[in-house]
PDB file of N, CA and C in Angstrom:
ATOM      1  N   LEU A   1      44.075 -35.465  -6.302  1.00  0.00           N
ATOM      2  CA  LEU A   1      44.618 -36.678  -5.697  1.00  0.00           C
ATOM      3  C   LEU A   1      45.797 -37.212  -6.523  1.00  0.00           C
ATOM      4  N   TYR A   2      45.661 -37.168  -7.837  1.00  0.00           N
ATOM      5  CA  TYR A   2      46.739 -37.655  -8.692  1.00  0.00           C
ATOM      6  C   TYR A   2      47.997 -36.803  -8.538  1.00  0.00           C
ATOM      7  N   LYS A   3      47.817 -35.507  -8.339  1.00  0.00           N
ATOM      8  CA  LYS A   3      48.959 -34.608  -8.187  1.00  0.00           C
ATOM      9  C   LYS A   3      49.798 -35.026  -6.974  1.00  0.00           C
ATOM     10  N   ASN A   4      49.159 -35.344  -5.871  1.00  0.00           N
ATOM     11  CA  ASN A   4      49.878 -35.779  -4.674  1.00  0.00           C
ATOM     12  C   ASN A   4      50.513 -37.149  -4.874  1.00  0.00           C
ATOM     13  N   ARG A   5      49.825 -38.025  -5.589  1.00  0.00           N
ATOM     14  CA  ARG A   5      50.370 -39.355  -5.845  1.00  0.00           C
ATOM     15  C   ARG A   5      51.639 -39.259  -6.689  1.00  0.00           C
ATOM     16  N   ASN A   6      51.652 -38.354  -7.645  1.00  0.00           N
ATOM     17  CA  ASN A   6      52.816 -38.164  -8.495  1.00  0.00           C
ATOM     18  C   ASN A   6      54.027 -37.730  -7.672  1.00  0.00           C
ATOM     19  N   ILE A   7      53.826 -36.866  -6.717  1.00  0.00           N
ATOM     20  CA  ILE A   7      54.920 -36.404  -5.856  1.00  0.00           C
ATOM     21  C   ILE A   7      55.505 -37.573  -5.077  1.00  0.00           C
ATOM     22  N   ILE A   8      54.646 -38.418  -4.521  1.00  0.00           N
ATOM     23  CA  ILE A   8      55.103 -39.569  -3.738  1.00  0.00           C
ATOM     24  C   ILE A   8      55.834 -40.566  -4.629  1.00  0.00           C
ATOM     25  N   GLU A   9      55.312 -40.830  -5.818  1.00  0.00           N
ATOM     26  CA  GLU A   9      55.960 -41.773  -6.726  1.00  0.00           C
ATOM     27  C   GLU A   9      57.335 -41.276  -7.164  1.00  0.00           C
ATOM     28  N   ARG A  10      57.453 -39.983  -7.419  1.00  0.00           N
ATOM     29  CA  ARG A  10      58.759 -39.433  -7.799  1.00  0.00           C
ATOM     30  C   ARG A  10      59.740 -39.506  -6.634  1.00  0.00           C
ATOM     31  N   PHE A  11      59.246 -39.300  -5.394  1.00  0.00           N
ATOM     32  CA  PHE A  11      60.113 -39.402  -4.220  1.00  0.00           C
ATOM     33  C   PHE A  11      60.671 -40.818  -4.077  1.00  0.00           C
ATOM     34  N   PHE A  12      59.798 -41.829  -4.218  1.00  0.00           N
ATOM     35  CA  PHE A  12      60.270 -43.205  -4.096  1.00  0.00           C
ATOM     36  C   PHE A  12      61.202 -43.588  -5.236  1.00  0.00           C
ATOM     37  N   ALA A  13      60.994 -43.032  -6.408  1.00  0.00           N
ATOM     38  CA  ALA A  13      61.906 -43.287  -7.530  1.00  0.00           C
ATOM     39  C   ALA A  13      63.286 -42.724  -7.217  1.00  0.00           C
ATOM     40  N   ARG A  14      63.327 -41.527  -6.642  1.00  0.00           N
ATOM     41  CA  ARG A  14      64.626 -40.950  -6.259  1.00  0.00           C
ATOM     42  C   ARG A  14      65.253 -41.719  -5.108  1.00  0.00           C
ATOM     43  N   LEU A  15      64.429 -42.210  -4.193  1.00  0.00           N
ATOM     44  CA  LEU A  15      64.918 -42.987  -3.056  1.00  0.00           C
ATOM     45  C   LEU A  15      65.569 -44.283  -3.531  1.00  0.00           C
ATOM     46  N   LYS A  16      64.992 -44.908  -4.544  1.00  0.00           N
ATOM     47  CA  LYS A  16      65.514 -46.169  -5.058  1.00  0.00           C
ATOM     48  C   LYS A  16      66.784 -45.997  -5.874  1.00  0.00           C
ATOM     49  N   GLN A  17      67.154 -44.774  -6.206  1.00  0.00           N
ATOM     50  CA  GLN A  17      68.395 -44.543  -6.922  1.00  0.00           C
ATOM     51  C   GLN A  17      69.607 -44.806  -6.036  1.00  0.00           C
ATOM     52  N   PHE A  18      69.414 -44.770  -4.746  1.00  0.00           N
ATOM     53  CA  PHE A  18      70.505 -45.072  -3.820  1.00  0.00           C
ATOM     54  C   PHE A  18      70.608 -46.586  -3.685  1.00  0.00           C
ATOM     55  N   ARG A  19      71.752 -47.116  -4.004  1.00  0.00           N
ATOM     56  CA  ARG A  19      71.927 -48.567  -4.113  1.00  0.00           C
ATOM     57  C   ARG A  19      71.647 -49.314  -2.817  1.00  0.00           C
ATOM     58  N   GLY A  20      72.084 -48.775  -1.708  1.00  0.00           N
ATOM     59  CA  GLY A  20      71.869 -49.440  -0.427  1.00  0.00           C
ATOM     60  C   GLY A  20      70.406 -49.549  -0.042  1.00  0.00           C
ATOM     61  N   ILE A  21      69.621 -48.598  -0.490  1.00  0.00           N
ATOM     62  CA  ILE A  21      68.193 -48.627  -0.189  1.00  0.00           C
ATOM     63  C   ILE A  21      67.485 -49.608  -1.123  1.00  0.00           C
ATOM     64  N   ALA A  22      67.834 -49.565  -2.404  1.00  0.00           N
ATOM     65  CA  ALA A  22      67.155 -50.398  -3.397  1.00  0.00           C
ATOM     66  C   ALA A  22      67.411 -51.887  -3.168  1.00  0.00           C
ATOM     67  N   THR A  23      68.629 -52.233  -2.740  1.00  0.00           N
ATOM     68  CA  THR A  23      68.974 -53.645  -2.581  1.00  0.00           C
ATOM     69  C   THR A  23      68.862 -54.115  -1.135  1.00  0.00           C
ATOM     70  N   ARG A  24      68.735 -53.185  -0.218  1.00  0.00           N
ATOM     71  CA  ARG A  24      68.641 -53.454   1.218  1.00  0.00           C
ATOM     72  C   ARG A  24      69.773 -54.350   1.712  1.00  0.00           C
ATOM     73  N   TYR A  25      70.959 -53.767   1.734  1.00  0.00           N
ATOM     74  CA  TYR A  25      72.126 -54.476   2.255  1.00  0.00           C
ATOM     75  C   TYR A  25      72.062 -54.634   3.769  1.00  0.00           C
ATOM     76  N   ASP A  26      71.384 -53.721   4.437  1.00  0.00           N
ATOM     77  CA  ASP A  26      71.327 -53.745   5.894  1.00  0.00           C
ATOM     78  C   ASP A  26      70.471 -54.900   6.384  1.00  0.00           C
ATOM     79  N   LYS A  27      70.975 -55.606   7.384  1.00  0.00           N
ATOM     80  CA  LYS A  27      70.229 -56.731   7.924  1.00  0.00           C
ATOM     81  C   LYS A  27      69.282 -56.311   9.051  1.00  0.00           C
ATOM     82  N   LEU A  28      69.659 -55.281   9.776  1.00  0.00           N
ATOM     83  CA  LEU A  28      68.833 -54.827  10.888  1.00  0.00           C
ATOM     84  C   LEU A  28      67.808 -53.800  10.418  1.00  0.00           C
ATOM     85  N   LYS A  29      66.612 -53.907  10.959  1.00  0.00           N
ATOM     86  CA  LYS A  29      65.543 -52.980  10.601  1.00  0.00           C
ATOM     87  C   LYS A  29      65.903 -51.556  10.992  1.00  0.00           C
ATOM     88  N   SER A  30      66.534 -51.388  12.140  1.00  0.00           N
ATOM     89  CA  SER A  30      66.868 -50.043  12.603  1.00  0.00           C
ATOM     90  C   SER A  30      67.928 -49.384  11.716  1.00  0.00           C
ATOM     91  N   THR A  31      68.877 -50.165  11.233  1.00  0.00           N
ATOM     92  CA  THR A  31      69.907 -49.634  10.348  1.00  0.00           C
ATOM     93  C   THR A  31      69.317 -49.225   9.009  1.00  0.00           C
ATOM     94  N   PHE A  32      68.408 -50.050   8.483  1.00  0.00           N
ATOM     95  CA  PHE A  32      67.749 -49.733   7.218  1.00  0.00           C
ATOM     96  C   PHE A  32      66.901 -48.476   7.357  1.00  0.00           C
ATOM     97  N   LEU A  33      66.173 -48.357   8.458  1.00  0.00           N
ATOM     98  CA  LEU A  33      65.346 -47.181   8.696  1.00  0.00           C
ATOM     99  C   LEU A  33      66.209 -45.925   8.797  1.00  0.00           C
ATOM    100  N   ALA A  34      67.354 -46.031   9.448  1.00  0.00           N
ATOM    101  CA  ALA A  34      68.257 -44.884   9.555  1.00  0.00           C
ATOM    102  C   ALA A  34      68.773 -44.478   8.180  1.00  0.00           C
ATOM    103  N   ALA A  35      69.074 -45.439   7.334  1.00  0.00           N
ATOM    104  CA  ALA A  35      69.540 -45.135   5.978  1.00  0.00           C
ATOM    105  C   ALA A  35      68.438 -44.456   5.169  1.00  0.00           C
ATOM    106  N   VAL A  36      67.217 -44.941   5.300  1.00  0.00           N
ATOM    107  CA  VAL A  36      66.091 -44.329   4.585  1.00  0.00           C
ATOM    108  C   VAL A  36      65.879 -42.898   5.065  1.00  0.00           C
ATOM    109  N   GLN A  37      65.981 -42.670   6.357  1.00  0.00           N
ATOM    110  CA  GLN A  37      65.810 -41.322   6.892  1.00  0.00           C
ATOM    111  C   GLN A  37      66.926 -40.394   6.423  1.00  0.00           C
ATOM    112  N   LEU A  38      68.141 -40.895   6.369  1.00  0.00           N
ATOM    113  CA  LEU A  38      69.264 -40.087   5.910  1.00  0.00           C
ATOM    114  C   LEU A  38      69.096 -39.698   4.445  1.00  0.00           C
ATOM    115  N   VAL A  39      68.748 -40.664   3.615  1.00  0.00           N
ATOM    116  CA  VAL A  39      68.560 -40.387   2.188  1.00  0.00           C
ATOM    117  C   VAL A  39      67.361 -39.461   1.992  1.00  0.00           C
ATOM    118  N   SER A  40      66.320 -39.633   2.783  1.00  0.00           N
ATOM    119  CA  SER A  40      65.158 -38.748   2.676  1.00  0.00           C
ATOM    120  C   SER A  40      65.538 -37.309   3.018  1.00  0.00           C
ATOM    121  N   ALA A  41      66.392 -37.143   3.989  1.00  0.00           N
ATOM    122  CA  ALA A  41      66.853 -35.791   4.346  1.00  0.00           C
ATOM    123  C   ALA A  41      67.683 -35.197   3.220  1.00  0.00           C
ATOM    124  N   ILE A  42      68.522 -36.014   2.612  1.00  0.00           N
ATOM    125  CA  ILE A  42      69.335 -35.540   1.485  1.00  0.00           C
ATOM    126  C   ILE A  42      68.455 -35.115   0.326  1.00  0.00           C
ATOM    127  N   ILE A  43      67.434 -35.920   0.033  1.00  0.00           N
ATOM    128  CA  ILE A  43      66.508 -35.578  -1.052  1.00  0.00           C
ATOM    129  C   ILE A  43      65.730 -34.319  -0.699  1.00  0.00           C
ATOM    130  N   GLY A  44      65.343 -34.182   0.538  1.00  0.00           N
ATOM    131  CA  GLY A  44      64.603 -33.001   0.972  1.00  0.00           C
ATOM    132  C   GLY A  44      65.416 -31.725   0.884  1.00  0.00           C
ATOM    133  N   ILE A  45      66.692 -31.813   1.132  1.00  0.00           N
ATOM    134  CA  ILE A  45      67.560 -30.641   1.059  1.00  0.00           C
ATOM    135  C   ILE A  45      67.725 -30.189  -0.386  1.00  0.00           C
ATOM    136  N   ASN A  46      67.880 -31.175  -1.263  1.00  0.00           N
ATOM    137  CA  ASN A  46      68.072 -30.837  -2.687  1.00  0.00           C
ATOM    138  C   ASN A  46      66.756 -30.478  -3.254  1.00  0.00           C
TER     139      ASN A  46
END
C-alpha cells in the first residue's frame, strides 16, 4: 500500500511544480481541469 501511495505523492509533487497548477490562476473549473489534464499528460509522457 505504501508503494502505491509513494507513486501518487511523487505525481502530485511533480504536478505542483507547474506554476499555474500550484497557484490556480484559472478562475473557471473547466479551464483548471483542462490544465491539470494537460500537465498530467506531459508528466505521463516523460
